[in-house]
Amino acid sequence: MITELREGTLEMLLLSPAPRSEYFLGCLLEQTTRAFLEFGTVLIVGVLFGAKLSNFLSTRALITILLAILSFFCMGILLSSVMLYTRDTYLTQNTLFVTMSLVCGITYPIQYLPDWVQNVAQIFPLTPAVTLFRNVVIGHENLISNHLLIVQILVLSGIYLVLGMIWYQSMERKLVESIFG
């Protein structure tokens, strides 16, 4: 949405009768395709260097990746609303990405962080998604903890989606009013 604002096409998008959900899903499809192309390249290079991907190439891993995509999409809806509100991408997006990479277990396991930071990490769907992915790849078969992680991902994604859509609709009304008085 912020790209539409920068390119001067946001007004036309807001006035068009096109459903927003299809627009968002189209953006999701484009970004997911790009990510899979990059990810596929990494996998090919990994295999060439001897990586063993037996646990990675499973139904559980595919389901985990789909859950992660869902959570990223829902977080993206909320983030796009925040960026439209602040009219800023770099500070908002980079602050969120750095924060998530530090507290969600991307850079290092969250168990090494202080308790209060571990609690903050639980508000991001990325934290249970990373944990679930690691469990699946290393073959950790604790079904109860994996099911709880799936529920956590779905609940957090739902919260992010609802908040993002509500805030987006509010921002859309304000933008239309500011453009057309």
C-alpha atoms as a PDB file:
ATOM      1  CA  MET A   1       0.000   0.000   0.000  1.00  0.00           C
ATOM      2  CA  ILE A   2       2.838   2.367   0.760  1.00  0.00           C
ATOM      3  CA  THR A   3       4.230   1.664  -2.734  1.00  0.00           C
ATOM      4  CA  GLU A   4       0.870   2.679  -4.162  1.00  0.00           C
ATOM      5  CA  LEU A   5       1.088   5.893  -2.120  1.00  0.00           C
ATOM      6  CA  ARG A   6       4.611   6.642  -3.379  1.00  0.00           C
ATOM      7  CA  GLU A   7       3.774   5.931  -6.997  1.00  0.00           C
ATOM      8  CA  GLY A   8       0.660   8.085  -6.857  1.00  0.00           C
ATOM      9  CA  THR A   9      -1.715   5.201  -7.579  1.00  0.00           C
ATOM     10  CA  LEU A  10      -3.231   4.885  -4.110  1.00  0.00           C
ATOM     11  CA  GLU A  11      -6.096   7.233  -4.901  1.00  0.00           C
ATOM     12  CA  MET A  12      -7.065   5.194  -7.970  1.00  0.00           C
ATOM     13  CA  LEU A  13      -6.853   1.986  -5.954  1.00  0.00           C
ATOM     14  CA  LEU A  14      -9.038   3.439  -3.201  1.00  0.00           C
ATOM     15  CA  LEU A  15     -11.642   4.630  -5.715  1.00  0.00           C
ATOM     16  CA  SER A  16     -11.707   1.415  -7.712  1.00  0.00           C
ATOM     17  CA  PRO A  17     -14.455  -1.107  -7.026  1.00  0.00           C
ATOM     18  CA  ALA A  18     -11.865  -3.894  -6.828  1.00  0.00           C
ATOM     19  CA  PRO A  19     -12.064  -5.947  -3.623  1.00  0.00           C
ATOM     20  CA  ARG A  20      -9.178  -5.220  -1.268  1.00  0.00           C
ATOM     21  CA  SER A  21      -8.893  -8.857  -0.222  1.00  0.00           C
ATOM     22  CA  GLU A  22      -8.024  -9.879  -3.775  1.00  0.00           C
ATOM     23  CA  TYR A  23      -5.485  -7.065  -4.004  1.00  0.00           C
ATOM     24  CA  PHE A  24      -3.828  -8.232  -0.775  1.00  0.00           C
ATOM     25  CA  LEU A  25      -3.886 -11.879  -1.931  1.00  0.00           C
ATOM     26  CA  GLY A  26      -2.284 -10.845  -5.237  1.00  0.00           C
ATOM     27  CA  CYS A  27       0.503  -9.091  -3.342  1.00  0.00           C
ATOM     28  CA  LEU A  28       0.902 -12.200  -1.186  1.00  0.00           C
ATOM     29  CA  LEU A  29       1.180 -14.413  -4.270  1.00  0.00           C
ATOM     30  CA  GLU A  30       3.800 -12.138  -5.840  1.00  0.00           C
ATOM     31  CA  GLN A  31       5.946 -11.948  -2.712  1.00  0.00           C
ATOM     32  CA  THR A  32       5.597 -15.670  -1.972  1.00  0.00           C
ATOM     33  CA  THR A  33       6.692 -16.526  -5.516  1.00  0.00           C
ATOM     34  CA  ARG A  34       9.739 -14.290  -5.147  1.00  0.00           C
ATOM     35  CA  ALA A  35      10.592 -15.816  -1.783  1.00  0.00           C
ATOM     36  CA  PHE A  36      10.271 -19.373  -3.128  1.00  0.00           C
ATOM     37  CA  LEU A  37      12.583 -18.538  -6.026  1.00  0.00           C
ATOM     38  CA  GLU A  38      15.185 -17.233  -3.586  1.00  0.00           C
ATOM     39  CA  PHE A  39      14.598 -20.102  -1.172  1.00  0.00           C
ATOM     40  CA  GLY A  40      14.848 -22.658  -3.964  1.00  0.00           C
ATOM     41  CA  THR A  41      18.201 -21.225  -4.965  1.00  0.00           C
ATOM     42  CA  VAL A  42      19.436 -21.523  -1.388  1.00  0.00           C
ATOM     43  CA  LEU A  43      18.225 -25.136  -1.218  1.00  0.00           C
ATOM     44  CA  ILE A  44      19.958 -26.049  -4.482  1.00  0.00           C
ATOM     45  CA  VAL A  45      23.222 -24.510  -3.320  1.00  0.00           C
ATOM     46  CA  GLY A  46      22.812 -26.273   0.033  1.00  0.00           C
ATOM     47  CA  VAL A  47      22.330 -29.651  -1.634  1.00  0.00           C
ATOM     48  CA  LEU A  48      25.377 -29.022  -3.818  1.00  0.00           C
ATOM     49  CA  PHE A  49      27.390 -28.445  -0.644  1.00  0.00           C
ATOM     50  CA  GLY A  50      26.050 -31.617   0.994  1.00  0.00           C
ATOM     51  CA  ALA A  51      23.049 -30.485   3.039  1.00  0.00           C
ATOM     52  CA  LYS A  52      20.743 -33.310   4.017  1.00  0.00           C
ATOM     53  CA  LEU A  53      17.155 -32.215   3.558  1.00  0.00           C
ATOM     54  CA  SER A  54      15.239 -35.391   4.419  1.00  0.00           C
ATOM     55  CA  ASN A  55      13.268 -33.830   7.314  1.00  0.00           C
ATOM     56  CA  PHE A  56      12.896 -30.601   5.422  1.00  0.00           C
ATOM     57  CA  LEU A  57      11.147 -32.199   2.449  1.00  0.00           C
ATOM     58  CA  SER A  58       8.088 -33.515   4.283  1.00  0.00           C
ATOM     59  CA  THR A  59       4.393 -32.796   4.623  1.00  0.00           C
ATOM     60  CA  ARG A  60       4.974 -31.388   8.115  1.00  0.00           C
ATOM     61  CA  ALA A  61       7.567 -28.963   6.795  1.00  0.00           C
ATOM     62  CA  LEU A  62       5.198 -27.862   4.012  1.00  0.00           C
ATOM     63  CA  ILE A  63       2.387 -27.283   6.520  1.00  0.00           C
ATOM     64  CA  THR A  64       4.782 -25.322   8.723  1.00  0.00           C
ATOM     65  CA  ILE A  65       5.855 -23.168   5.786  1.00  0.00           C
ATOM     66  CA  LEU A  66       2.203 -22.514   4.874  1.00  0.00           C
ATOM     67  CA  LEU A  67       1.450 -21.525   8.481  1.00  0.00           C
ATOM     68  CA  ALA A  68       4.450 -19.190   8.445  1.00  0.00           C
ATOM     69  CA  ILE A  69       3.238 -17.611   5.182  1.00  0.00           C
ATOM     70  CA  LEU A  70      -0.194 -17.099   6.744  1.00  0.00           C
ATOM     71  CA  SER A  71       1.333 -15.419   9.784  1.00  0.00           C
ATOM     72  CA  PHE A  72       3.580 -13.198   7.641  1.00  0.00           C
ATOM     73  CA  PHE A  73       0.585 -12.184   5.539  1.00  0.00           C
ATOM     74  CA  CYS A  74      -1.445 -11.247   8.605  1.00  0.00           C
ATOM     75  CA  MET A  75       1.460  -9.312  10.089  1.00  0.00           C
ATOM     76  CA  GLY A  76       1.934  -7.610   6.705  1.00  0.00           C
ATOM     77  CA  ILE A  77      -1.659  -6.358   6.688  1.00  0.00           C
ATOM     78  CA  LEU A  78      -1.137  -4.727  10.080  1.00  0.00           C
ATOM     79  CA  LEU A  79       2.286  -3.399   9.086  1.00  0.00           C
ATOM     80  CA  SER A  80       0.921  -1.840   5.894  1.00  0.00           C
ATOM     81  CA  SER A  81      -1.688  -0.008   7.961  1.00  0.00           C
ATOM     82  CA  VAL A  82       0.999   1.260  10.341  1.00  0.00           C
ATOM     83  CA  MET A  83       3.132   2.407   7.407  1.00  0.00           C
ATOM     84  CA  LEU A  84       0.182   4.216   5.816  1.00  0.00           C
ATOM     85  CA  TYR A  85      -0.554   5.884   9.140  1.00  0.00           C
ATOM     86  CA  THR A  86       3.041   7.024   9.672  1.00  0.00           C
ATOM     87  CA  ARG A  87       3.643   7.565   5.946  1.00  0.00           C
ATOM     88  CA  ASP A  88       7.001   5.922   6.514  1.00  0.00           C
ATOM     89  CA  THR A  89       8.385   2.587   5.433  1.00  0.00           C
ATOM     90  CA  TYR A  90      12.028   2.535   6.324  1.00  0.00           C
ATOM     91  CA  LEU A  91      11.921   3.353  10.015  1.00  0.00           C
ATOM     92  CA  THR A  92       8.722   1.401  10.697  1.00  0.00           C
ATOM     93  CA  GLN A  93       9.576  -1.690   8.674  1.00  0.00           C
ATOM     94  CA  ASN A  94      13.245  -1.862   9.608  1.00  0.00           C
ATOM     95  CA  THR A  95      12.528  -1.343  13.307  1.00  0.00           C
ATOM     96  CA  LEU A  96       9.995  -4.175  13.257  1.00  0.00           C
ATOM     97  CA  PHE A  97      12.267  -6.515  11.280  1.00  0.00           C
ATOM     98  CA  VAL A  98      15.298  -5.890  13.491  1.00  0.00           C
ATOM     99  CA  THR A  99      13.190  -6.336  16.621  1.00  0.00           C
ATOM    100  CA  MET A 100      11.714  -9.585  15.325  1.00  0.00           C
ATOM    101  CA  SER A 101      15.078 -10.972  14.232  1.00  0.00           C
ATOM    102  CA  LEU A 102      16.493 -10.270  17.686  1.00  0.00           C
ATOM    103  CA  VAL A 103      13.641 -11.468  19.879  1.00  0.00           C
ATOM    104  CA  CYS A 104      11.858 -14.168  17.829  1.00  0.00           C
ATOM    105  CA  GLY A 105      14.617 -16.748  17.647  1.00  0.00           C
ATOM    106  CA  ILE A 106      15.996 -15.944  14.220  1.00  0.00           C
ATOM    107  CA  THR A 107      19.436 -14.768  15.327  1.00  0.00           C
ATOM    108  CA  TYR A 108      19.740 -17.059  18.353  1.00  0.00           C
ATOM    109  CA  PRO A 109      17.393 -19.106  20.562  1.00  0.00           C
ATOM    110  CA  ILE A 110      15.088 -16.959  22.656  1.00  0.00           C
ATOM    111  CA  GLN A 111      15.972 -18.997  25.757  1.00  0.00           C
ATOM    112  CA  TYR A 112      19.168 -16.913  25.971  1.00  0.00           C
ATOM    113  CA  LEU A 113      17.174 -13.691  26.307  1.00  0.00           C
ATOM    114  CA  PRO A 114      15.860 -12.157  29.549  1.00  0.00           C
ATOM    115  CA  ASP A 115      12.421 -13.376  30.613  1.00  0.00           C
ATOM    116  CA  TRP A 116      10.672 -10.100  29.781  1.00  0.00           C
ATOM    117  CA  VAL A 117      12.095 -10.185  26.223  1.00  0.00           C
ATOM    118  CA  GLN A 118      10.947 -13.792  25.853  1.00  0.00           C
ATOM    119  CA  ASN A 119       7.460 -12.624  26.812  1.00  0.00           C
ATOM    120  CA  VAL A 120       7.595  -9.812  24.241  1.00  0.00           C
ATOM    121  CA  ALA A 121       8.625 -12.368  21.607  1.00  0.00           C
ATOM    122  CA  GLN A 122       5.354 -14.225  22.144  1.00  0.00           C
ATOM    123  CA  ILE A 123       3.297 -11.383  20.623  1.00  0.00           C
ATOM    124  CA  PHE A 124       4.814 -12.086  17.193  1.00  0.00           C
ATOM    125  CA  PRO A 125       3.545 -15.098  15.214  1.00  0.00           C
ATOM    126  CA  LEU A 126       7.105 -15.473  13.932  1.00  0.00           C
ATOM    127  CA  THR A 127       8.255 -16.879  17.301  1.00  0.00           C
ATOM    128  CA  PRO A 128       6.053 -20.008  17.289  1.00  0.00           C
ATOM    129  CA  ALA A 129       6.554 -20.370  13.521  1.00  0.00           C
ATOM    130  CA  VAL A 130      10.348 -20.480  13.912  1.00  0.00           C
ATOM    131  CA  THR A 131      10.088 -22.874  16.862  1.00  0.00           C
ATOM    132  CA  LEU A 132       7.706 -25.159  14.965  1.00  0.00           C
ATOM    133  CA  PHE A 133       9.927 -25.111  11.883  1.00  0.00           C
ATOM    134  CA  ARG A 134      12.970 -26.023  13.950  1.00  0.00           C
ATOM    135  CA  ASN A 135      11.023 -28.837  15.641  1.00  0.00           C
ATOM    136  CA  VAL A 136       9.957 -30.236  12.271  1.00  0.00           C
ATOM    137  CA  VAL A 137      13.388 -29.978  10.644  1.00  0.00           C
ATOM    138  CA  ILE A 138      15.279 -31.570  13.534  1.00  0.00           C
ATOM    139  CA  GLY A 139      12.591 -34.233  13.923  1.00  0.00           C
ATOM    140  CA  HIS A 140      11.303 -33.200  17.362  1.00  0.00           C
ATOM    141  CA  GLU A 141       8.133 -35.254  17.616  1.00  0.00           C
ATOM    142  CA  ASN A 142       6.473 -33.766  20.700  1.00  0.00           C
ATOM    143  CA  LEU A 143       3.004 -33.585  19.188  1.00  0.00           C
ATOM    144  CA  ILE A 144       1.434 -31.666  22.071  1.00  0.00           C
ATOM    145  CA  SER A 145       3.961 -28.834  21.964  1.00  0.00           C
ATOM    146  CA  ASN A 146       3.795 -28.749  18.147  1.00  0.00           C
ATOM    147  CA  HIS A 147      -0.016 -28.565  18.264  1.00  0.00           C
ATOM    148  CA  LEU A 148       0.166 -25.761  20.810  1.00  0.00           C
ATOM    149  CA  LEU A 149       2.553 -23.893  18.518  1.00  0.00           C
ATOM    150  CA  ILE A 150       0.126 -24.321  15.612  1.00  0.00           C
ATOM    151  CA  VAL A 151      -2.733 -22.985  17.731  1.00  0.00           C
ATOM    152  CA  GLN A 152      -0.555 -20.049  18.840  1.00  0.00           C
ATOM    153  CA  ILE A 153       0.310 -19.244  15.215  1.00  0.00           C
ATOM    154  CA  LEU A 154      -3.345 -19.375  14.158  1.00  0.00           C
ATOM    155  CA  VAL A 155      -4.595 -17.277  17.097  1.00  0.00           C
ATOM    156  CA  LEU A 156      -1.900 -14.616  16.705  1.00  0.00           C
ATOM    157  CA  SER A 157      -2.393 -14.529  12.929  1.00  0.00           C
ATOM    158  CA  GLY A 158      -6.127 -14.058  13.426  1.00  0.00           C
ATOM    159  CA  ILE A 159      -5.544 -11.190  15.859  1.00  0.00           C
ATOM    160  CA  TYR A 160      -3.080  -9.509  13.496  1.00  0.00           C
ATOM    161  CA  LEU A 161      -5.460  -9.941  10.555  1.00  0.00           C
ATOM    162  CA  VAL A 162      -8.476  -8.509  12.383  1.00  0.00           C
ATOM    163  CA  LEU A 163      -6.506  -5.567  13.791  1.00  0.00           C
ATOM    164  CA  GLY A 164      -4.856  -4.925  10.429  1.00  0.00           C
ATOM    165  CA  MET A 165      -8.143  -4.953   8.508  1.00  0.00           C
ATOM    166  CA  ILE A 166      -9.886  -2.706  11.014  1.00  0.00           C
ATOM    167  CA  TRP A 167      -7.004  -0.233  11.018  1.00  0.00           C
ATOM    168  CA  TYR A 168      -6.697  -0.417   7.214  1.00  0.00           C
ATOM    169  CA  GLN A 169     -10.402   0.351   6.721  1.00  0.00           C
ATOM    170  CA  SER A 170     -10.060   3.298   9.085  1.00  0.00           C
ATOM    171  CA  MET A 171      -6.963   4.537   7.228  1.00  0.00           C
ATOM    172  CA  GLU A 172      -8.698   4.067   3.877  1.00  0.00           C
ATOM    173  CA  ARG A 173     -11.637   6.244   4.982  1.00  0.00           C
ATOM    174  CA  LYS A 174      -9.280   8.955   6.257  1.00  0.00           C
ATOM    175  CA  LEU A 175      -7.244   8.891   3.049  1.00  0.00           C
ATOM    176  CA  VAL A 176     -10.325   9.167   0.855  1.00  0.00           C
ATOM    177  CA  GLU A 177     -11.654  12.028   2.997  1.00  0.00           C
ATOM    178  CA  SER A 178      -8.325  13.864   2.886  1.00  0.00           C
ATOM    179  CA  ILE A 179      -8.079  13.442  -0.889  1.00  0.00           C
ATOM    180  CA  PHE A 180     -11.647  14.410  -1.764  1.00  0.00           C
ATOM    181  CA  GLY A 181     -12.552  16.559   1.208  1.00  0.00           C
END
